[in-house]
Amino acid sequence: MYIILTSKPGVYSATIQAGGTPIETYQYLFYGRCKAVFSLVRIDADIKIDIVEDTPPHIRNVVSSKFLDHFNTLDEARAELNHLVHFGGLDAVLQRCEPSGAVA
């Protein structure tokens, strides 16, 4: 099973706790500027996700993956991510980068 995690640089960072494996990570470039970082994560059961604000006082929330959309295959997760970020003729690009334990 797969989930899509999102972080927004300068706003918040999402990190997975134990039980998830990042498979692919993409920067979302909107007119050349990085607006978000998406990570496709394989999970075998519900996991906890840390969401921390990037600005003081760095508020932290822990969210269960059960509240996120789940995808049976990596291809389904990729298709959903492409659907989320491409619309009309806007200059929106997904640029693949190295997966990490954090989605920064």
C-alpha atoms as a PDB file:
ATOM      1  CA  MET A   1       0.000   0.000   0.000  1.00  0.00           C
ATOM      2  CA  TYR A   2       1.239   3.529  -0.773  1.00  0.00           C
ATOM      3  CA  ILE A   3       0.558   7.066   0.442  1.00  0.00           C
ATOM      4  CA  ILE A   4       1.613  10.501  -0.795  1.00  0.00           C
ATOM      5  CA  LEU A   5       3.236  12.823   1.758  1.00  0.00           C
ATOM      6  CA  THR A   6       3.560  16.532   1.122  1.00  0.00           C
ATOM      7  CA  SER A   7       5.895  19.135   2.585  1.00  0.00           C
ATOM      8  CA  LYS A   8       5.935  22.824   1.695  1.00  0.00           C
ATOM      9  CA  PRO A   9       9.375  24.429   2.059  1.00  0.00           C
ATOM     10  CA  GLY A  10       9.229  27.402   4.404  1.00  0.00           C
ATOM     11  CA  VAL A  11       5.801  26.334   5.701  1.00  0.00           C
ATOM     12  CA  TYR A  12       5.965  22.796   7.101  1.00  0.00           C
ATOM     13  CA  SER A  13       7.852  19.516   6.849  1.00  0.00           C
ATOM     14  CA  ALA A  14       6.339  16.029   6.993  1.00  0.00           C
ATOM     15  CA  THR A  15       8.396  13.081   8.245  1.00  0.00           C
ATOM     16  CA  ILE A  16       7.408   9.458   8.536  1.00  0.00           C
ATOM     17  CA  GLN A  17       7.904   7.506  11.716  1.00  0.00           C
ATOM     18  CA  ALA A  18       8.764   3.783  11.770  1.00  0.00           C
ATOM     19  CA  GLY A  19       6.853   1.532   9.403  1.00  0.00           C
ATOM     20  CA  GLY A  20       7.118   3.459   6.145  1.00  0.00           C
ATOM     21  CA  THR A  21       9.633   3.369   3.320  1.00  0.00           C
ATOM     22  CA  PRO A  22      10.033   6.354   0.973  1.00  0.00           C
ATOM     23  CA  ILE A  23      10.173   5.024  -2.592  1.00  0.00           C
ATOM     24  CA  GLU A  24      10.184   8.160  -4.758  1.00  0.00           C
ATOM     25  CA  THR A  25      10.461  11.868  -4.013  1.00  0.00           C
ATOM     26  CA  TYR A  26       9.575  14.755  -6.315  1.00  0.00           C
ATOM     27  CA  GLN A  27       9.971  18.513  -6.164  1.00  0.00           C
ATOM     28  CA  TYR A  28       6.922  20.330  -7.474  1.00  0.00           C
ATOM     29  CA  LEU A  29       8.154  23.284  -9.510  1.00  0.00           C
ATOM     30  CA  PHE A  30       5.538  25.905 -10.339  1.00  0.00           C
ATOM     31  CA  TYR A  31       6.911  28.402 -12.849  1.00  0.00           C
ATOM     32  CA  GLY A  32      10.409  27.355 -11.791  1.00  0.00           C
ATOM     33  CA  ARG A  33       9.893  27.758  -8.030  1.00  0.00           C
ATOM     34  CA  CYS A  34       9.721  24.809  -5.645  1.00  0.00           C
ATOM     35  CA  LYS A  35       6.274  24.975  -4.069  1.00  0.00           C
ATOM     36  CA  ALA A  36       6.137  21.491  -2.530  1.00  0.00           C
ATOM     37  CA  VAL A  37       7.968  18.220  -2.123  1.00  0.00           C
ATOM     38  CA  PHE A  38       5.989  15.000  -2.562  1.00  0.00           C
ATOM     39  CA  SER A  39       7.108  11.582  -1.390  1.00  0.00           C
ATOM     40  CA  LEU A  40       5.531   8.272  -2.372  1.00  0.00           C
ATOM     41  CA  VAL A  41       5.812   6.043   0.691  1.00  0.00           C
ATOM     42  CA  ARG A  42       5.211   2.291   0.968  1.00  0.00           C
ATOM     43  CA  ILE A  43       3.427   1.258   4.165  1.00  0.00           C
ATOM     44  CA  ASP A  44       2.252  -2.132   5.416  1.00  0.00           C
ATOM     45  CA  ALA A  45      -0.023  -0.724   8.122  1.00  0.00           C
ATOM     46  CA  ASP A  46      -1.090   2.667   9.397  1.00  0.00           C
ATOM     47  CA  ILE A  47       1.897   4.745  10.479  1.00  0.00           C
ATOM     48  CA  LYS A  48       2.357   8.057  12.260  1.00  0.00           C
ATOM     49  CA  ILE A  49       3.508  11.153  10.409  1.00  0.00           C
ATOM     50  CA  ASP A  50       5.210  14.121  12.087  1.00  0.00           C
ATOM     51  CA  ILE A  51       4.238  17.499  10.676  1.00  0.00           C
ATOM     52  CA  VAL A  52       6.372  20.379  11.959  1.00  0.00           C
ATOM     53  CA  GLU A  53       5.949  24.046  11.077  1.00  0.00           C
ATOM     54  CA  ASP A  54       9.120  25.592   9.672  1.00  0.00           C
ATOM     55  CA  THR A  55       8.690  28.879  11.539  1.00  0.00           C
ATOM     56  CA  PRO A  56       8.795  29.485  15.309  1.00  0.00           C
ATOM     57  CA  PRO A  57       7.335  28.231  17.530  1.00  0.00           C
ATOM     58  CA  HIS A  58       7.721  25.095  15.301  1.00  0.00           C
ATOM     59  CA  ILE A  59       4.395  23.559  16.257  1.00  0.00           C
ATOM     60  CA  ARG A  60       4.418  19.768  15.851  1.00  0.00           C
ATOM     61  CA  ASN A  61       1.455  17.553  15.048  1.00  0.00           C
ATOM     62  CA  VAL A  62       1.364  13.781  14.741  1.00  0.00           C
ATOM     63  CA  VAL A  63      -1.148  12.445  12.228  1.00  0.00           C
ATOM     64  CA  SER A  64      -2.125   8.874  11.409  1.00  0.00           C
ATOM     65  CA  SER A  65      -1.735   7.740   7.808  1.00  0.00           C
ATOM     66  CA  LYS A  66      -5.290   6.393   8.009  1.00  0.00           C
ATOM     67  CA  PHE A  67      -6.444   9.942   7.223  1.00  0.00           C
ATOM     68  CA  LEU A  68      -4.565   9.973   3.893  1.00  0.00           C
ATOM     69  CA  ASP A  69      -5.588   8.439   0.590  1.00  0.00           C
ATOM     70  CA  HIS A  70      -4.131   4.960   0.095  1.00  0.00           C
ATOM     71  CA  PHE A  71      -3.109   3.418  -3.213  1.00  0.00           C
ATOM     72  CA  ASN A  72      -2.707  -0.285  -3.923  1.00  0.00           C
ATOM     73  CA  THR A  73       0.190   0.138  -6.341  1.00  0.00           C
ATOM     74  CA  LEU A  74       3.021   2.566  -6.931  1.00  0.00           C
ATOM     75  CA  ASP A  75       1.592   3.273 -10.406  1.00  0.00           C
ATOM     76  CA  GLU A  76      -1.739   4.328  -8.853  1.00  0.00           C
ATOM     77  CA  ALA A  77       0.079   6.704  -6.486  1.00  0.00           C
ATOM     78  CA  ARG A  78       2.106   8.169  -9.372  1.00  0.00           C
ATOM     79  CA  ALA A  79      -1.056   8.677 -11.442  1.00  0.00           C
ATOM     80  CA  GLU A  80      -2.750  10.497  -8.554  1.00  0.00           C
ATOM     81  CA  LEU A  81       0.284  12.720  -8.017  1.00  0.00           C
ATOM     82  CA  ASN A  82       0.346  13.625 -11.722  1.00  0.00           C
ATOM     83  CA  HIS A  83      -3.367  14.379 -11.578  1.00  0.00           C
ATOM     84  CA  LEU A  84      -2.855  16.655  -8.558  1.00  0.00           C
ATOM     85  CA  VAL A  85      -0.127  18.808 -10.061  1.00  0.00           C
ATOM     86  CA  HIS A  86      -0.890  19.104 -13.779  1.00  0.00           C
ATOM     87  CA  PHE A  87      -3.728  21.311 -14.895  1.00  0.00           C
ATOM     88  CA  GLY A  88      -4.279  23.379 -18.000  1.00  0.00           C
ATOM     89  CA  GLY A  89      -1.307  25.035 -19.639  1.00  0.00           C
ATOM     90  CA  LEU A  90       0.392  26.121 -16.423  1.00  0.00           C
ATOM     91  CA  ASP A  91       4.152  25.667 -16.072  1.00  0.00           C
ATOM     92  CA  ALA A  92       4.044  22.899 -13.448  1.00  0.00           C
ATOM     93  CA  VAL A  93       6.757  20.230 -13.337  1.00  0.00           C
ATOM     94  CA  LEU A  94       7.511  17.255 -11.111  1.00  0.00           C
ATOM     95  CA  GLN A  95      11.284  16.837 -10.790  1.00  0.00           C
ATOM     96  CA  ARG A  96      12.395  13.539  -9.299  1.00  0.00           C
ATOM     97  CA  CYS A  97      15.000  13.653  -6.535  1.00  0.00           C
ATOM     98  CA  GLU A  98      16.484  11.186  -4.047  1.00  0.00           C
ATOM     99  CA  PRO A  99      13.971   9.674  -1.581  1.00  0.00           C
ATOM    100  CA  SER A 100      14.669  10.279   2.075  1.00  0.00           C
ATOM    101  CA  GLY A 101      13.093   9.474   5.419  1.00  0.00           C
ATOM    102  CA  ALA A 102      11.915  13.048   5.573  1.00  0.00           C
ATOM    103  CA  VAL A 103       9.824  14.941   3.134  1.00  0.00           C
ATOM    104  CA  ALA A 104      11.445  18.334   3.372  1.00  0.00           C
END
